[in-house]
Protein backbone atom coordinates (compact mmCIF):
# COMPACT_ATOMS: atom_id res chain seq x y z
CA MET A 1 14.69 -2.35 35.02
CA ILE A 2 15.07 -5.81 35.97
CA LYS A 3 16.49 -5.74 39.52
CA GLN A 4 19.29 -7.65 40.61
CA LYS A 5 17.30 -8.67 43.54
CA ASP A 6 14.81 -10.31 41.13
CA ILE A 7 17.40 -12.31 39.05
CA ASP A 8 18.83 -13.24 42.35
CA ALA A 9 15.53 -14.58 43.43
CA LEU A 10 15.32 -17.04 40.83
CA ARG A 11 18.73 -18.59 41.69
CA VAL A 12 18.67 -21.59 44.15
CA GLU A 13 20.89 -21.27 46.56
CA PRO A 14 22.99 -24.48 47.41
CA GLY A 15 21.02 -26.11 50.35
CA LYS A 16 18.02 -24.28 50.40
CA LYS A 17 15.18 -26.55 49.83
CA ILE A 18 12.49 -25.49 47.01
CA GLN A 19 8.89 -26.65 46.02
CA LEU A 20 8.07 -25.92 42.96
CA LYS A 21 4.30 -25.31 43.44
CA ASP A 22 5.02 -22.18 45.69
CA LEU A 23 7.37 -20.24 42.93
CA ALA A 24 5.79 -18.35 40.27
CA THR A 25 5.17 -18.86 36.58
CA GLU A 26 4.16 -15.61 35.53
CA TRP A 27 6.66 -13.24 36.98
CA HIS A 28 5.16 -10.09 35.34
CA LYS A 29 1.93 -9.85 37.14
CA ARG A 30 3.78 -9.01 40.11
CA LYS A 31 6.49 -7.02 38.73
CA LYS A 32 4.81 -3.80 37.40
CA ILE A 33 6.59 -0.87 36.53
CA ASP A 34 5.74 2.82 38.28
CA GLY A 35 2.28 1.49 38.92
CA ASN A 36 1.79 1.02 34.79
CA GLY A 37 0.48 -2.55 33.34
CA THR A 38 1.66 -5.53 31.88
CA GLU A 39 1.81 -4.24 28.27
CA ASN A 40 4.39 -1.09 29.80
CA LEU A 41 5.83 -3.67 31.14
CA LYS A 42 6.53 -6.31 28.18
CA GLU A 43 7.54 -3.05 26.05
CA LYS A 44 10.28 -2.46 28.57
CA VAL A 45 11.21 -6.08 29.24
CA ASN A 46 11.66 -6.14 25.11
CA GLU A 47 13.98 -3.08 25.13
CA LEU A 48 16.13 -4.57 28.06
CA LEU A 49 16.36 -8.09 25.95
CA GLN A 50 17.55 -5.88 22.68
CA GLN A 51 20.30 -4.25 24.93
CA ASN A 52 20.93 -7.81 26.27
CA LEU A 53 21.46 -9.27 22.79
CA THR A 54 23.72 -6.45 21.69
CA ASP A 55 26.13 -6.69 24.81
CA LEU A 56 26.32 -10.55 24.57
CA THR A 57 27.77 -10.21 21.17
CA LYS A 58 30.30 -8.38 22.56
CA ALA A 59 30.73 -10.41 25.46
CA GLN A 60 31.31 -13.81 23.02
CA GLN A 61 33.62 -11.69 21.16
CA LEU A 62 35.61 -10.99 23.92
CA LEU A 63 35.05 -14.77 25.52
CA TYR A 64 36.27 -16.83 21.62
CA ALA A 65 39.31 -14.21 21.99
CA ASP A 66 40.42 -14.86 25.43
CA ASP A 67 40.50 -18.56 25.26
CA ARG A 68 40.46 -19.48 28.74
CA TYR A 69 36.78 -20.11 29.48
CA SER A 70 34.00 -21.77 28.06
CA LEU A 71 30.28 -21.73 28.85
CA LEU A 72 27.64 -24.36 29.46
CA LEU A 73 23.92 -23.45 29.38
CA VAL A 74 21.30 -26.09 30.49
CA PHE A 75 18.00 -25.92 29.95
CA GLN A 76 15.59 -28.39 31.29
CA ALA A 77 11.68 -27.87 31.36
CA MET A 78 8.39 -30.19 30.63
CA ASP A 79 7.31 -29.81 27.32
CA ALA A 80 6.09 -26.68 25.71
CA ALA A 81 7.42 -24.37 28.11
CA GLY A 82 10.13 -22.93 25.01
CA LYS A 83 13.33 -24.02 25.35
CA ASP A 84 13.69 -23.89 22.13
CA GLY A 85 12.33 -20.61 21.49
CA THR A 86 14.47 -19.12 24.20
CA ILE A 87 17.45 -20.37 22.91
CA LYS A 88 16.76 -19.00 19.74
CA HIS A 89 15.95 -15.65 20.67
CA VAL A 90 18.60 -15.16 23.30
CA MET A 91 21.69 -16.72 20.95
CA SER A 92 20.03 -14.82 17.86
CA GLY A 93 23.11 -12.48 17.93
CA VAL A 94 25.46 -14.92 18.75
CA ASN A 95 28.50 -15.81 16.29
CA PRO A 96 27.47 -19.34 15.60
CA GLN A 97 30.72 -20.32 14.79
CA GLY A 98 31.53 -19.89 18.91
CA CYS A 99 28.34 -21.26 19.94
CA GLN A 100 26.73 -25.05 19.44
CA VAL A 101 23.39 -26.49 20.38
CA THR A 102 23.11 -30.09 21.39
CA SER A 103 19.34 -31.14 21.37
CA PHE A 104 19.19 -34.93 23.30
CA LYS A 105 16.77 -36.88 22.46
CA LYS A 106 16.21 -40.86 23.17
CA PRO A 107 19.77 -42.59 23.95
CA SER A 108 21.04 -44.91 21.45
CA VAL A 109 21.95 -48.57 22.07
CA GLU A 110 25.97 -47.13 22.04
CA ASP A 111 25.11 -44.42 24.55
CA VAL A 112 23.21 -46.61 27.09
CA ASP A 113 25.67 -49.12 27.08
CA HIS A 114 28.12 -46.16 28.71
CA ASN A 115 27.85 -44.19 31.79
CA PHE A 116 25.02 -41.94 31.88
CA LEU A 117 27.20 -39.16 31.77
CA TRP A 118 29.07 -40.36 28.48
CA ARG A 119 27.53 -38.96 25.26
CA TYR A 120 26.86 -35.04 27.30
CA THR A 121 30.63 -35.54 27.97
CA LYS A 122 31.54 -35.99 23.87
CA CYS A 123 29.71 -32.63 23.11
CA LEU A 124 30.86 -29.72 26.12
CA PRO A 125 32.08 -26.60 24.42
CA GLU A 126 35.42 -26.20 24.15
CA ARG A 127 37.60 -23.06 25.39
CA GLY A 128 36.32 -19.89 23.96
CA ARG A 129 32.71 -20.97 23.02
CA ILE A 130 29.20 -21.57 24.28
CA GLY A 131 27.68 -24.93 24.65
CA ILE A 132 23.44 -25.28 25.26
CA PHE A 133 22.09 -28.21 25.74
CA ASN A 134 18.46 -28.60 25.01
CA ARG A 135 17.61 -31.14 27.64
CA SER A 136 20.93 -32.75 29.01
CA TYR A 137 22.30 -35.24 31.91
CA TYR A 138 19.76 -34.01 34.09
CA GLU A 139 16.96 -36.75 31.86
CA ASP A 140 18.78 -39.11 33.79
CA VAL A 141 17.61 -38.01 36.89
CA LEU A 142 14.30 -37.09 35.70
CA VAL A 143 12.57 -39.27 33.00
CA VAL A 144 14.36 -42.39 34.12
CA LYS A 145 13.32 -41.49 37.47
CA VAL A 146 9.95 -41.48 36.35
CA HIS A 147 10.11 -44.22 33.96
CA PRO A 148 12.37 -46.63 35.85
CA GLU A 149 12.36 -49.26 33.44
CA LEU A 150 14.51 -46.95 30.96
CA LEU A 151 17.61 -47.63 33.49
CA GLN A 152 20.39 -49.07 31.62
CA ASN A 153 21.57 -52.27 32.49
CA LEU A 154 23.31 -52.53 35.74
CA PRO A 155 25.55 -54.79 37.78
CA GLU A 156 23.37 -56.60 40.90
CA GLY A 157 23.13 -54.78 43.81
CA LYS A 158 23.92 -51.16 42.04
CA ARG A 159 20.22 -50.24 42.39
CA ASN A 160 19.92 -49.59 45.88
CA LYS A 161 18.21 -47.39 47.79
CA ALA A 162 20.97 -44.61 47.91
CA PHE A 163 20.64 -45.21 43.96
CA TRP A 164 19.84 -41.60 42.99
CA GLN A 165 21.50 -39.77 45.89
CA HIS A 166 24.71 -41.47 44.60
CA ARG A 167 23.62 -39.84 40.59
CA TYR A 168 23.41 -36.68 42.24
CA GLU A 169 26.68 -37.06 43.63
CA ASP A 170 27.97 -37.76 40.15
CA ILE A 171 26.42 -34.83 38.52
CA ASN A 172 27.93 -32.65 41.26
CA ALA A 173 31.29 -34.32 40.86
CA PHE A 174 31.01 -33.93 37.09
CA GLU A 175 29.95 -30.04 36.95
CA GLN A 176 32.52 -29.15 39.65
CA HIS A 177 35.16 -30.93 37.54
CA LEU A 178 34.41 -28.64 34.54
CA HIS A 179 34.14 -25.57 36.81
CA ARG A 180 37.86 -26.00 37.75
CA ASN A 181 38.78 -26.69 34.48
CA GLY A 182 37.31 -23.10 33.11
CA THR A 183 33.50 -24.12 32.40
CA ILE A 184 31.19 -21.89 33.65
CA ILE A 185 27.67 -23.54 34.01
CA LEU A 186 24.40 -22.28 34.19
CA LYS A 187 21.18 -24.29 34.55
CA PHE A 188 17.94 -22.91 33.61
CA PHE A 189 14.55 -24.55 34.46
CA LEU A 190 11.61 -23.04 32.62
CA ASN A 191 8.95 -23.52 35.10
CA VAL A 192 5.79 -23.15 33.05
CA SER A 193 2.28 -24.05 34.66
CA LYS A 194 0.00 -26.91 33.70
CA GLN A 195 -2.69 -24.60 32.46
CA GLU A 196 -0.09 -22.77 30.25
CA GLN A 197 1.04 -26.37 28.83
CA LYS A 198 -2.33 -26.89 28.00
CA LYS A 199 -3.07 -23.99 26.05
CA ARG A 200 0.30 -24.43 24.08
CA PHE A 201 -0.47 -28.06 23.31
CA LEU A 202 -4.18 -26.84 22.10
CA GLU A 203 -2.41 -24.58 19.56
CA ARG A 204 -0.20 -27.17 18.67
CA ILE A 205 -3.05 -28.84 17.72
CA ASP A 206 -5.56 -25.91 15.98
CA LYS A 207 -2.67 -24.06 13.95
CA PRO A 208 -1.35 -25.94 11.18
CA GLU A 209 2.15 -24.65 10.84
CA LYS A 210 2.53 -25.82 14.36
CA ASN A 211 0.77 -29.47 14.02
CA TRP A 212 4.24 -30.93 13.26
CA LYS A 213 5.52 -29.75 17.21
CA PHE A 214 2.77 -32.24 19.14
CA SER A 215 3.23 -35.60 19.29
CA ALA A 216 0.76 -38.03 21.47
CA ALA A 217 3.81 -38.48 23.42
CA ASP A 218 2.93 -35.48 25.18
CA LEU A 219 -0.22 -36.10 26.55
CA THR A 220 1.08 -39.39 27.82
CA GLU A 221 3.95 -37.68 29.91
CA ARG A 222 1.26 -34.67 31.02
CA GLU A 223 -0.95 -37.35 32.94
CA TYR A 224 2.87 -37.75 35.20
CA TRP A 225 3.12 -33.82 35.83
CA GLN A 226 3.03 -34.21 39.79
CA ASP A 227 5.75 -37.23 39.55
CA TYR A 228 7.71 -34.98 37.14
CA MET A 229 7.29 -31.72 39.67
CA ALA A 230 8.99 -34.07 42.35
CA VAL A 231 11.54 -35.82 40.76
CA TYR A 232 12.48 -31.89 39.66
CA GLU A 233 12.51 -30.96 43.17
CA ASP A 234 14.71 -33.47 44.21
CA ALA A 235 17.09 -33.06 41.55
CA ILE A 236 17.23 -29.05 41.67
CA ASN A 237 17.59 -29.50 45.62
CA ALA A 238 20.41 -31.85 45.39
CA THR A 239 22.27 -30.64 42.43
CA SER A 240 22.18 -26.50 43.22
CA THR A 241 25.69 -25.77 44.00
CA LYS A 242 28.00 -22.50 43.90
CA TRP A 243 29.57 -23.65 40.80
CA ALA A 244 26.70 -24.71 38.95
CA PRO A 245 23.87 -22.79 40.04
CA TRP A 246 19.80 -23.68 39.12
CA TYR A 247 17.51 -20.83 37.97
CA ILE A 248 14.13 -21.32 38.29
CA VAL A 249 12.57 -19.26 35.54
CA PRO A 250 8.95 -18.26 34.95
CA ALA A 251 7.82 -19.67 32.10
CA ASP A 252 3.94 -18.94 31.18
CA ASN A 253 4.92 -15.60 29.41
CA LYS A 254 7.72 -16.25 26.41
CA TRP A 255 8.89 -12.87 26.57
CA VAL A 256 9.57 -12.82 30.17
CA THR A 257 11.44 -15.92 30.27
CA ARG A 258 14.02 -15.16 27.15
CA ALA A 259 14.87 -11.50 28.85
CA LEU A 260 15.53 -13.09 32.32
CA VAL A 261 17.73 -15.89 30.49
CA ALA A 262 19.15 -13.06 28.45
CA GLU A 263 19.87 -10.98 31.29
CA ILE A 264 21.54 -14.08 33.51
CA VAL A 265 23.76 -15.32 30.56
CA THR A 266 25.06 -11.62 29.49
CA ALA A 267 25.69 -10.74 33.36
CA THR A 268 28.12 -13.69 33.76
CA LEU A 269 29.98 -13.16 30.92
CA LYS A 270 29.97 -9.57 31.75
CA SER A 271 31.65 -10.44 35.57
CA LEU A 272 34.44 -12.80 33.88
CA ASP A 273 38.02 -11.16 33.56
CA LEU A 274 37.59 -11.16 29.75
CA SER A 275 40.39 -9.33 27.39
CA PHE A 276 41.42 -9.58 24.20
CA PRO A 277 44.88 -11.19 24.24
CA LYS A 278 48.08 -8.67 24.31
CA LEU A 279 51.25 -9.30 22.23
CA ASN A 280 54.20 -9.92 23.46
CA ALA A 281 57.57 -7.93 21.51
CA THR A 282 57.84 -10.50 19.06
CA GLN A 283 54.48 -10.81 18.34
CA ALA A 284 54.14 -6.73 17.64
CA GLU A 285 57.49 -6.90 15.69
CA LEU A 286 56.05 -9.29 13.22
CA LEU A 287 53.14 -6.67 12.74
CA VAL A 288 55.45 -3.80 12.38
CA LYS A 289 56.62 -5.99 9.38
CA ALA A 290 53.94 -7.31 8.34
CA ARG A 291 52.65 -3.49 7.62
CA LYS A 292 55.79 -2.87 5.90
CA VAL A 293 55.61 -5.45 3.44
CA LEU A 294 51.90 -4.37 2.91
CA GLU A 295 53.06 -0.73 2.43
CA ALA A 296 55.52 -1.74 0.23
CA GLU A 297 53.60 -3.70 -2.57
CA ALA A 298 53.20 -1.82 -6.03
């Protein structure tokens, strides 16, 4: 139903330069099904999401049992783009014992006294598990680039013209190191429009059950919208690699966002050579003995 070419179109190819203003935030408006309207599309996309959730549950069991790979999902976006909801829905059928979500807030004093990757390294998923970063080390080339006063103390001369390029190189090397050691990395930028963000902010203000989600700081950061679009473009263009690709996912309609992310995650896990461990002769013999002991019980 969602064609592979449409998924491929969301992936930023290494070396290709993207501009966010040229990319759709409303995928569904240009993707009709057999000439039918949006409601029919929404129904079919939700069916696909449910199937992917079922498949993802099975794939996670294999990932856990296989114990060779880990999966790291990185979510970045502007405020109100739907990161929390996407994570909640896409991972709703996953066994909590095999999945961990880390939401990164303002760094602590201890964090800023280490290198910028330190606090993220501590939260990486172990083999057999899925790790989800709700915001990530990319904040240090996004928020910090927009607000350079947040940059940690560094030795004299380190903040030169090549500073940000060096940070991109550090991130690429870090992700390549993880990939070489069995961590599959998928990075999602949820591409919401400024108009849709405004609509969602107003909902947070108007609906009492959503008041807690609104922060005055959200409006302050909204004033830097163009600055953020520029730094996102720079970061994505510099760090979408073969081993850690970026997917730019339209986010103006949450049901589309969730289905696309679920499709990508499920397809990626299915593509791995995962299997349940095979017992050797000694282990198989122990099972036979265990059966005899159990059957001999009164």
